[in-house]
Amino acid sequence: MKLLALLVLLALRRIEFRKDPAAWRPLLERALLAPLPLLTMFLRTTSARLLGLVIVWACVGFLLRFGLADVLLSWPLLLLYLGLLWVLVGRDRLGPDLNEYLRLWYLHDNDALRAFVRERFGAGVVALPETHAQVLRALFVRAYGETFVWIVVFAVTGLPGLLALAALDATQRRQAGEGDDLLAREARDMRARLDWLVVRLLGLSLLLIGNSGRAWPILDSRLLDDEDPAEQLMADLGVASAGITAAGEQVEVGLDISDARGLLLRTQVIWAMLMAVSVIVGF
């Protein structure tokens, strides 16, 4: 069922719906944070409360996974999987942003282009080749945060891991002053440890479908580096695996974006295949 839910999600992401699934995320996050007041009564330290919250939702996911497994051929479980993924991952926002980036580039509207990439990709320097290099790196970071961290965790751990990650993400997304700031910092630290592992799992899959000759030296030299930011490693691996040459004055913008998109699509396919294998072997 989790494989079918993932395939349906990837198909739905291509469709433009009137209601943005992200609109439901604040409601989900409030529900995920609901056990915190009860945990505060019994657990004194911040790290214990955060760990307790993650364990609570992992246990809920475990009970739902096996409690609904044989009901009506698991259709309730499929709807639960799909609903959570749809709210947490939502529709594809990176694709339309890349289309707009290419449109502005080929129109030679440099001011609008810099303003757009500054807003949507966090990039924007004076020279356009350097701006393009930053966009290439940012698109892999965005793809990881918006899509692949959820897919990898869901593929490896199923519903318990998905709910635990959602609870962790909801905790760290709390704005300052809305709750326990120390708890949010603990959540960011725990998420950084999780990202360390997930990025390396994703990097291993990129070796199978991308330019392994360029990607392997990067992954090999930084595989056990526990101080290497996940976003930086993801950007380096993505650019290398796609075979993109981001330096120099002569840039093939359309070709670079096409190569990056192709790599991201193949990565989705390989994780769907890995999930299918896990279903076949009964994992």
Protein backbone atom coordinates (compact mmCIF):
# COMPACT_ATOMS: atom_id res chain seq x y z
CA MET A 1 0.00 0.00 0.00
CA LYS A 2 2.82 2.43 0.70
CA LEU A 3 4.17 1.80 -2.82
CA LEU A 4 0.77 2.49 -4.35
CA ALA A 5 0.39 5.63 -2.22
CA LEU A 6 3.77 6.92 -3.39
CA LEU A 7 2.96 6.28 -7.06
CA VAL A 8 -0.40 8.04 -6.75
CA LEU A 9 1.27 10.96 -4.98
CA LEU A 10 3.89 11.40 -7.71
CA ALA A 11 1.11 11.41 -10.31
CA LEU A 12 -0.99 13.92 -8.35
CA ARG A 13 1.94 16.30 -7.97
CA ARG A 14 1.78 17.01 -11.71
CA ILE A 15 -1.84 18.20 -11.48
CA GLU A 16 -2.82 21.73 -10.50
CA PHE A 17 -5.59 21.67 -7.90
CA ARG A 18 -7.59 24.65 -6.75
CA LYS A 19 -6.89 23.82 -3.10
CA ASP A 20 -3.21 23.81 -2.20
CA PRO A 21 -2.45 20.78 0.01
CA ALA A 22 -0.01 22.90 1.99
CA ALA A 23 -2.99 24.78 3.41
CA TRP A 24 -3.78 21.76 5.57
CA ARG A 25 -0.28 21.46 6.98
CA PRO A 26 -0.73 23.88 9.93
CA LEU A 27 -3.71 21.79 11.10
CA LEU A 28 -1.66 18.61 10.85
CA GLU A 29 1.23 20.18 12.73
CA ARG A 30 -1.05 21.35 15.55
CA ALA A 31 -2.33 17.78 15.87
CA LEU A 32 1.22 16.40 15.90
CA LEU A 33 2.20 18.81 18.69
CA ALA A 34 -0.90 18.09 20.79
CA PRO A 35 0.83 15.50 23.07
CA LEU A 36 3.48 18.02 24.16
CA PRO A 37 1.59 19.47 27.19
CA LEU A 38 1.05 15.96 28.56
CA LEU A 39 4.70 15.05 28.01
CA THR A 40 5.77 18.25 29.78
CA MET A 41 4.01 17.05 32.93
CA PHE A 42 6.03 13.84 33.09
CA LEU A 43 9.35 14.61 31.41
CA ARG A 44 11.61 17.29 32.82
CA THR A 45 14.30 17.74 30.18
CA THR A 46 13.76 19.23 26.74
CA SER A 47 15.51 16.40 24.92
CA ALA A 48 13.35 13.84 26.75
CA ARG A 49 10.15 15.67 25.72
CA LEU A 50 11.27 15.79 22.09
CA LEU A 51 12.23 12.13 22.08
CA GLY A 52 8.94 11.27 23.76
CA LEU A 53 6.99 13.15 21.08
CA VAL A 54 8.82 11.30 18.30
CA ILE A 55 8.28 7.94 20.01
CA VAL A 56 4.58 8.64 20.55
CA TRP A 57 3.98 9.22 16.85
CA ALA A 58 6.19 6.33 15.80
CA CYS A 59 4.09 4.07 18.03
CA VAL A 60 0.85 5.52 16.64
CA GLY A 61 2.12 4.84 13.12
CA PHE A 62 3.10 1.30 14.06
CA LEU A 63 -0.34 0.57 15.55
CA LEU A 64 -2.14 2.09 12.56
CA ARG A 65 0.07 0.18 10.13
CA PHE A 66 -0.73 -3.19 11.63
CA GLY A 67 -4.20 -2.37 12.94
CA LEU A 68 -5.51 -1.42 9.50
CA ALA A 69 -3.46 -3.91 7.52
CA ASP A 70 -6.30 -6.40 6.95
CA VAL A 71 -9.32 -4.10 6.92
CA LEU A 72 -11.12 -3.82 3.55
CA LEU A 73 -8.00 -4.89 1.66
CA SER A 74 -6.05 -2.07 3.39
CA TRP A 75 -7.90 0.76 1.65
CA PRO A 76 -8.11 2.82 4.87
CA LEU A 77 -4.35 2.46 5.22
CA LEU A 78 -3.83 3.56 1.62
CA LEU A 79 -5.97 6.65 2.18
CA LEU A 80 -4.07 7.44 5.36
CA TYR A 81 -0.71 7.08 3.59
CA LEU A 82 -1.84 9.21 0.66
CA GLY A 83 -3.45 11.89 2.82
CA LEU A 84 -0.35 12.36 4.95
CA LEU A 85 2.00 12.38 1.96
CA TRP A 86 -0.24 14.81 0.10
CA VAL A 87 -0.19 17.28 2.98
CA LEU A 88 3.51 16.88 3.82
CA VAL A 89 4.89 16.74 0.26
CA GLY A 90 2.09 18.35 -1.73
CA ARG A 91 2.17 19.34 -5.36
CA ASP A 92 5.33 20.02 -7.34
CA ARG A 93 6.48 23.60 -6.77
CA LEU A 94 10.02 23.20 -8.03
CA GLY A 95 8.97 22.38 -11.61
CA PRO A 96 6.98 25.60 -12.22
CA ASP A 97 9.77 27.64 -10.61
CA LEU A 98 12.32 26.11 -12.98
CA ASN A 99 10.03 26.87 -15.95
CA GLU A 100 9.78 30.49 -14.87
CA TYR A 101 13.55 30.65 -14.36
CA LEU A 102 14.16 29.43 -17.91
CA ARG A 103 11.57 31.85 -19.30
CA LEU A 104 13.21 34.85 -17.65
CA TRP A 105 16.68 33.69 -18.67
CA TYR A 106 15.80 33.40 -22.35
CA LEU A 107 13.95 36.73 -22.26
CA HIS A 108 17.21 38.31 -21.02
CA ASP A 109 15.25 40.13 -18.32
CA ASN A 110 18.20 40.22 -15.93
CA ASP A 111 16.62 42.36 -13.21
CA ALA A 112 13.49 40.22 -13.01
CA LEU A 113 15.62 37.09 -13.19
CA ARG A 114 17.80 38.12 -10.24
CA ALA A 115 14.75 39.10 -8.19
CA PHE A 116 13.05 35.78 -8.96
CA VAL A 117 16.01 33.53 -8.12
CA ARG A 118 16.70 35.54 -4.96
CA GLU A 119 13.14 34.91 -3.79
CA ARG A 120 12.65 31.32 -4.94
CA PHE A 121 16.17 29.87 -4.84
CA GLY A 122 18.03 32.10 -2.38
CA ALA A 123 20.50 33.05 -5.10
CA GLY A 124 21.34 36.28 -6.86
CA VAL A 125 24.82 37.63 -7.46
CA VAL A 126 26.02 40.15 -10.02
CA ALA A 127 27.32 37.81 -12.72
CA LEU A 128 24.65 35.60 -14.29
CA PRO A 129 26.88 32.48 -14.70
CA GLU A 130 27.47 32.49 -10.94
CA THR A 131 23.74 33.01 -10.35
CA HIS A 132 23.03 30.00 -12.56
CA ALA A 133 25.55 27.90 -10.61
CA GLN A 134 23.78 28.84 -7.38
CA VAL A 135 20.38 27.95 -8.84
CA LEU A 136 21.66 24.52 -9.89
CA ARG A 137 22.82 23.83 -6.35
CA ALA A 138 19.66 25.29 -4.80
CA LEU A 139 17.33 23.16 -6.90
CA PHE A 140 18.87 19.95 -5.50
CA VAL A 141 18.60 21.30 -1.95
CA ARG A 142 14.95 22.18 -2.55
CA ALA A 143 14.22 18.81 -4.14
CA TYR A 144 15.71 17.11 -1.09
CA GLY A 145 13.78 19.16 1.48
CA GLU A 146 10.46 19.25 -0.37
CA THR A 147 10.37 15.69 -1.70
CA PHE A 148 13.18 13.23 -1.16
CA VAL A 149 13.64 13.33 2.60
CA TRP A 150 9.98 12.30 2.92
CA ILE A 151 10.23 9.63 0.21
CA VAL A 152 13.38 8.06 1.66
CA VAL A 153 12.07 8.00 5.23
CA PHE A 154 8.73 6.64 4.06
CA ALA A 155 10.39 3.98 1.89
CA VAL A 156 12.70 2.79 4.69
CA THR A 157 10.45 3.07 7.75
CA GLY A 158 6.87 3.33 6.48
CA LEU A 159 4.14 5.12 8.41
CA PRO A 160 5.88 5.13 11.84
CA GLY A 161 8.92 6.95 10.46
CA LEU A 162 6.78 9.32 8.39
CA LEU A 163 4.75 10.40 11.42
CA ALA A 164 7.87 10.71 13.57
CA LEU A 165 9.57 12.89 10.94
CA ALA A 166 6.43 15.01 10.58
CA ALA A 167 6.32 15.54 14.36
CA LEU A 168 10.00 16.47 14.38
CA ASP A 169 9.54 18.86 11.48
CA ALA A 170 6.50 20.46 13.12
CA THR A 171 8.52 21.03 16.30
CA GLN A 172 11.44 22.71 14.56
CA ARG A 173 9.14 24.86 12.37
CA ARG A 174 7.60 26.54 15.42
CA GLN A 175 8.30 30.25 15.35
CA ALA A 176 10.18 31.89 18.18
CA GLY A 177 7.81 32.80 20.99
CA GLU A 178 5.14 30.28 19.99
CA GLY A 179 6.43 27.64 22.37
CA ASP A 180 9.57 26.19 23.86
CA ASP A 181 12.46 27.69 21.86
CA LEU A 182 14.87 25.19 23.41
CA LEU A 183 12.65 22.37 22.18
CA ALA A 184 12.80 23.79 18.64
CA ARG A 185 16.60 23.93 18.82
CA GLU A 186 16.72 20.32 20.00
CA ALA A 187 14.46 19.39 17.10
CA ARG A 188 16.78 21.11 14.63
CA ASP A 189 19.74 19.20 16.06
CA MET A 190 17.89 15.89 15.81
CA ARG A 191 16.78 16.69 12.28
CA ALA A 192 20.38 17.47 11.32
CA ARG A 193 21.42 14.00 12.49
CA LEU A 194 18.60 12.44 10.50
CA ASP A 195 19.52 14.45 7.40
CA TRP A 196 23.12 13.27 7.75
CA LEU A 197 21.96 9.68 7.25
CA VAL A 198 19.23 10.31 4.67
CA VAL A 199 21.49 12.38 2.39
CA ARG A 200 24.02 9.56 2.31
CA LEU A 201 21.35 6.98 1.51
CA LEU A 202 20.16 9.24 -1.27
CA GLY A 203 23.75 9.73 -2.43
CA LEU A 204 24.19 5.97 -2.79
CA SER A 205 21.13 5.84 -5.05
CA LEU A 206 22.52 8.74 -7.13
CA LEU A 207 25.59 6.62 -7.86
CA LEU A 208 23.36 4.07 -9.58
CA ILE A 209 21.57 6.48 -11.90
CA GLY A 210 23.92 9.44 -12.31
CA ASN A 211 27.51 10.18 -13.20
CA SER A 212 29.15 7.90 -10.65
CA GLY A 213 32.65 8.84 -11.84
CA ARG A 214 32.12 12.40 -10.62
CA ALA A 215 29.84 11.67 -7.66
CA TRP A 216 31.75 8.83 -6.02
CA PRO A 217 34.88 10.84 -5.06
CA ILE A 218 32.63 13.40 -3.34
CA LEU A 219 30.64 10.79 -1.43
CA ASP A 220 33.70 8.70 -0.62
CA SER A 221 35.65 11.61 0.88
CA ARG A 222 32.72 12.89 2.94
CA LEU A 223 30.83 9.70 3.78
CA LEU A 224 31.67 9.69 7.51
CA ASP A 225 32.14 13.43 7.99
CA ASP A 226 29.69 14.26 10.79
CA GLU A 227 30.22 18.03 10.45
CA ASP A 228 29.40 18.25 6.74
CA PRO A 229 26.08 20.11 6.28
CA ALA A 230 23.50 17.93 4.56
CA GLU A 231 22.42 20.72 2.19
CA GLN A 232 25.96 21.29 0.97
CA LEU A 233 26.60 17.60 0.38
CA MET A 234 23.26 17.23 -1.41
CA ALA A 235 24.08 20.16 -3.71
CA ASP A 236 27.56 18.84 -4.51
CA LEU A 237 26.31 15.31 -5.16
CA GLY A 238 23.40 16.50 -7.28
CA VAL A 239 25.49 18.72 -9.55
CA ALA A 240 28.15 16.00 -9.91
CA SER A 241 25.66 13.16 -10.50
CA ALA A 242 23.83 15.15 -13.16
CA GLY A 243 27.13 15.71 -14.99
CA ILE A 244 26.66 19.48 -14.88
CA THR A 245 29.59 21.80 -15.41
CA ALA A 246 28.49 24.87 -13.49
CA ALA A 247 31.64 26.93 -13.86
CA GLY A 248 32.65 29.20 -16.76
CA GLU A 249 31.09 31.93 -18.83
CA GLN A 250 29.54 29.65 -21.47
CA VAL A 251 26.57 27.95 -19.80
CA GLU A 252 23.90 25.81 -21.42
CA VAL A 253 21.03 26.73 -19.14
CA GLY A 254 18.34 24.64 -20.80
CA LEU A 255 20.60 21.58 -21.00
CA ASP A 256 21.68 21.94 -17.37
CA ILE A 257 18.09 22.16 -16.13
CA SER A 258 17.07 19.25 -18.34
CA ASP A 259 19.89 17.09 -16.96
CA ALA A 260 18.99 17.99 -13.38
CA ARG A 261 15.32 17.25 -13.96
CA GLY A 262 16.16 13.92 -15.55
CA LEU A 263 18.30 12.95 -12.57
CA LEU A 264 15.55 13.88 -10.09
CA LEU A 265 12.98 11.90 -12.07
CA ARG A 266 15.23 8.83 -12.19
CA THR A 267 15.81 9.18 -8.45
CA GLN A 268 12.06 9.04 -7.83
CA VAL A 269 11.84 5.95 -10.02
CA ILE A 270 14.66 4.12 -8.27
CA TRP A 271 13.18 4.77 -4.82
CA ALA A 272 9.82 3.49 -6.06
CA MET A 273 11.66 0.38 -7.29
CA LEU A 274 13.43 -0.03 -3.94
CA MET A 275 10.08 0.26 -2.21
CA ALA A 276 8.65 -2.36 -4.57
CA VAL A 277 11.51 -4.72 -3.71
CA SER A 278 10.84 -4.20 0.00
CA VAL A 279 7.20 -5.14 -0.60
CA ILE A 280 8.18 -8.26 -2.53
CA VAL A 281 10.53 -9.49 0.21
CA GLY A 282 7.94 -8.63 2.88
CA PHE A 283 9.85 -5.84 4.58
